[in-house]
């Protein structure tokens, strides 16, 4: 309980530093970036998909996406076939025009 309270206090303090409401902000400390990304994947899955829609969820990535994302998607139960690789522009950003085309095609295929 003592370390849990310490974590809550530090998160509240950090929330206040960046302008969030300290009474409603929440979070948790992780062991590193891979775990933080995995938690983000799980939260996105829970927010956007019901338990019956897992095969309909689509994730957009680029060739530069960190390998922990593929591992996290697999551990979260999202099929590899639902990972869409979006081309990048010359500045190594997702090509927004190609992204839009992929999103339209995925929605037409009944995916989310």
C-alpha atoms as a PDB file:
ATOM      1  CA  UNK A   1       0.000   0.000   0.000  1.00  0.00           C
ATOM      2  CA  UNK A   2       2.818   2.444   0.746  1.00  0.00           C
ATOM      3  CA  UNK A   3       4.371   2.181  -2.724  1.00  0.00           C
ATOM      4  CA  UNK A   4       0.959   2.365  -4.367  1.00  0.00           C
ATOM      5  CA  UNK A   5       0.301   5.635  -2.540  1.00  0.00           C
ATOM      6  CA  UNK A   6       3.753   6.913  -3.496  1.00  0.00           C
ATOM      7  CA  UNK A   7       3.007   6.160  -7.159  1.00  0.00           C
ATOM      8  CA  UNK A   8      -0.369   7.928  -6.909  1.00  0.00           C
ATOM      9  CA  UNK A   9       1.239  10.962  -5.262  1.00  0.00           C
ATOM     10  CA  UNK A  10       3.968  11.256  -7.897  1.00  0.00           C
ATOM     11  CA  UNK A  11       1.478  10.848 -10.752  1.00  0.00           C
ATOM     12  CA  UNK A  12      -0.742  13.524  -9.222  1.00  0.00           C
ATOM     13  CA  UNK A  13       2.260  15.825  -8.813  1.00  0.00           C
ATOM     14  CA  UNK A  14       3.380  15.251 -12.413  1.00  0.00           C
ATOM     15  CA  UNK A  15      -0.186  15.802 -13.669  1.00  0.00           C
ATOM     16  CA  UNK A  16      -0.266  19.157 -11.905  1.00  0.00           C
ATOM     17  CA  UNK A  17       3.080  20.133 -13.429  1.00  0.00           C
ATOM     18  CA  UNK A  18       1.725  19.718 -16.961  1.00  0.00           C
ATOM     19  CA  UNK A  19      -1.645  21.332 -16.241  1.00  0.00           C
ATOM     20  CA  UNK A  20      -3.888  18.277 -15.804  1.00  0.00           C
ATOM     21  CA  UNK A  21      -6.528  18.077 -13.106  1.00  0.00           C
ATOM     22  CA  UNK A  22      -4.743  16.359 -10.226  1.00  0.00           C
ATOM     23  CA  UNK A  23      -7.997  14.899  -8.913  1.00  0.00           C
ATOM     24  CA  UNK A  24      -8.934  13.077 -12.122  1.00  0.00           C
ATOM     25  CA  UNK A  25      -5.585  12.342 -13.790  1.00  0.00           C
ATOM     26  CA  UNK A  26      -4.342   8.796 -13.440  1.00  0.00           C
ATOM     27  CA  UNK A  27      -1.598   6.557 -14.723  1.00  0.00           C
ATOM     28  CA  UNK A  28       0.996   4.022 -13.745  1.00  0.00           C
ATOM     29  CA  UNK A  29       4.730   3.630 -13.864  1.00  0.00           C
ATOM     30  CA  UNK A  30       6.124   1.008 -16.209  1.00  0.00           C
ATOM     31  CA  UNK A  31       9.409  -0.785 -16.576  1.00  0.00           C
ATOM     32  CA  UNK A  32      10.088   0.912 -19.890  1.00  0.00           C
ATOM     33  CA  UNK A  33       8.906   1.843 -23.345  1.00  0.00           C
ATOM     34  CA  UNK A  34       7.885  -1.653 -24.455  1.00  0.00           C
ATOM     35  CA  UNK A  35       5.571  -2.088 -21.483  1.00  0.00           C
ATOM     36  CA  UNK A  36       4.210   1.439 -21.895  1.00  0.00           C
ATOM     37  CA  UNK A  37       3.427   0.732 -25.571  1.00  0.00           C
ATOM     38  CA  UNK A  38       1.787  -2.593 -24.647  1.00  0.00           C
ATOM     39  CA  UNK A  39      -0.430  -0.841 -22.102  1.00  0.00           C
ATOM     40  CA  UNK A  40      -1.326   1.741 -24.765  1.00  0.00           C
ATOM     41  CA  UNK A  41      -2.296  -1.032 -27.200  1.00  0.00           C
ATOM     42  CA  UNK A  42      -4.472  -2.703 -24.567  1.00  0.00           C
ATOM     43  CA  UNK A  43      -6.181   0.574 -23.691  1.00  0.00           C
ATOM     44  CA  UNK A  44      -6.828   1.394 -27.355  1.00  0.00           C
ATOM     45  CA  UNK A  45      -8.193  -2.107 -27.944  1.00  0.00           C
ATOM     46  CA  UNK A  46     -10.500  -1.847 -24.936  1.00  0.00           C
ATOM     47  CA  UNK A  47     -11.712   1.633 -25.937  1.00  0.00           C
ATOM     48  CA  UNK A  48     -12.350   0.925 -29.630  1.00  0.00           C
ATOM     49  CA  UNK A  49     -13.271  -2.777 -29.818  1.00  0.00           C
ATOM     50  CA  UNK A  50     -15.631  -5.072 -27.972  1.00  0.00           C
ATOM     51  CA  UNK A  51     -14.419  -8.558 -27.117  1.00  0.00           C
ATOM     52  CA  UNK A  52     -16.282  -9.819 -30.198  1.00  0.00           C
ATOM     53  CA  UNK A  53     -14.606  -7.344 -32.556  1.00  0.00           C
ATOM     54  CA  UNK A  54     -10.931  -8.246 -32.060  1.00  0.00           C
ATOM     55  CA  UNK A  55     -10.616  -9.582 -35.588  1.00  0.00           C
ATOM     56  CA  UNK A  56     -12.023  -6.317 -36.963  1.00  0.00           C
ATOM     57  CA  UNK A  57      -9.456  -3.994 -35.360  1.00  0.00           C
ATOM     58  CA  UNK A  58      -6.812  -2.540 -37.653  1.00  0.00           C
ATOM     59  CA  UNK A  59      -3.475  -1.032 -36.693  1.00  0.00           C
ATOM     60  CA  UNK A  60      -1.542   1.322 -38.966  1.00  0.00           C
ATOM     61  CA  UNK A  61       2.259   1.173 -38.808  1.00  0.00           C
ATOM     62  CA  UNK A  62       5.248   2.182 -40.918  1.00  0.00           C
ATOM     63  CA  UNK A  63       8.511   0.431 -41.693  1.00  0.00           C
ATOM     64  CA  UNK A  64      10.041   2.490 -38.871  1.00  0.00           C
ATOM     65  CA  UNK A  65       7.631   1.245 -36.183  1.00  0.00           C
ATOM     66  CA  UNK A  66       9.490  -0.204 -33.186  1.00  0.00           C
ATOM     67  CA  UNK A  67       9.517  -3.999 -32.921  1.00  0.00           C
ATOM     68  CA  UNK A  68       7.814  -3.866 -29.512  1.00  0.00           C
ATOM     69  CA  UNK A  69       4.603  -2.802 -31.265  1.00  0.00           C
ATOM     70  CA  UNK A  70       4.376  -6.071 -33.229  1.00  0.00           C
ATOM     71  CA  UNK A  71       5.033  -8.030 -30.038  1.00  0.00           C
ATOM     72  CA  UNK A  72       2.445  -5.998 -28.135  1.00  0.00           C
ATOM     73  CA  UNK A  73      -0.174  -6.496 -30.836  1.00  0.00           C
ATOM     74  CA  UNK A  74       0.424 -10.226 -30.780  1.00  0.00           C
ATOM     75  CA  UNK A  75       0.175 -10.379 -26.971  1.00  0.00           C
ATOM     76  CA  UNK A  76      -3.019  -8.282 -27.116  1.00  0.00           C
ATOM     77  CA  UNK A  77      -4.606 -10.821 -29.458  1.00  0.00           C
ATOM     78  CA  UNK A  78      -4.767  -8.642 -32.548  1.00  0.00           C
ATOM     79  CA  UNK A  79      -4.205 -10.677 -35.732  1.00  0.00           C
ATOM     80  CA  UNK A  80      -1.056  -9.970 -37.745  1.00  0.00           C
ATOM     81  CA  UNK A  81      -3.267  -9.852 -40.845  1.00  0.00           C
ATOM     82  CA  UNK A  82      -4.881  -6.688 -39.453  1.00  0.00           C
ATOM     83  CA  UNK A  83      -1.628  -4.726 -39.353  1.00  0.00           C
ATOM     84  CA  UNK A  84      -1.487  -2.281 -42.268  1.00  0.00           C
ATOM     85  CA  UNK A  85       1.863  -0.947 -43.413  1.00  0.00           C
ATOM     86  CA  UNK A  86       1.559   2.680 -44.438  1.00  0.00           C
ATOM     87  CA  UNK A  87       4.182   4.141 -46.781  1.00  0.00           C
ATOM     88  CA  UNK A  88       6.290   7.047 -45.532  1.00  0.00           C
ATOM     89  CA  UNK A  89       7.089  10.382 -47.098  1.00  0.00           C
ATOM     90  CA  UNK A  90      10.599  11.763 -47.578  1.00  0.00           C
ATOM     91  CA  UNK A  91      10.627  13.029 -43.968  1.00  0.00           C
ATOM     92  CA  UNK A  92       9.874   9.480 -42.688  1.00  0.00           C
ATOM     93  CA  UNK A  93       6.316  10.407 -41.670  1.00  0.00           C
ATOM     94  CA  UNK A  94       3.241   8.374 -42.517  1.00  0.00           C
ATOM     95  CA  UNK A  95       2.108   9.431 -45.975  1.00  0.00           C
ATOM     96  CA  UNK A  96      -1.237  10.989 -45.051  1.00  0.00           C
ATOM     97  CA  UNK A  97      -2.736  10.522 -48.520  1.00  0.00           C
ATOM     98  CA  UNK A  98      -1.876   6.826 -48.514  1.00  0.00           C
ATOM     99  CA  UNK A  99      -3.097   6.520 -44.910  1.00  0.00           C
ATOM    100  CA  UNK A 100      -6.463   7.991 -45.891  1.00  0.00           C
ATOM    101  CA  UNK A 101      -6.815   5.510 -48.776  1.00  0.00           C
ATOM    102  CA  UNK A 102      -5.968   2.591 -46.467  1.00  0.00           C
ATOM    103  CA  UNK A 103      -8.476   3.747 -43.844  1.00  0.00           C
ATOM    104  CA  UNK A 104     -11.254   4.007 -46.453  1.00  0.00           C
ATOM    105  CA  UNK A 105     -10.424   0.534 -47.808  1.00  0.00           C
ATOM    106  CA  UNK A 106     -10.360  -0.979 -44.310  1.00  0.00           C
ATOM    107  CA  UNK A 107     -13.701   0.583 -43.374  1.00  0.00           C
ATOM    108  CA  UNK A 108     -15.221  -0.686 -46.633  1.00  0.00           C
ATOM    109  CA  UNK A 109     -13.965  -4.159 -45.628  1.00  0.00           C
ATOM    110  CA  UNK A 110     -15.861  -3.854 -42.331  1.00  0.00           C
ATOM    111  CA  UNK A 111     -12.832  -3.273 -40.136  1.00  0.00           C
ATOM    112  CA  UNK A 112     -12.478  -0.686 -37.391  1.00  0.00           C
END
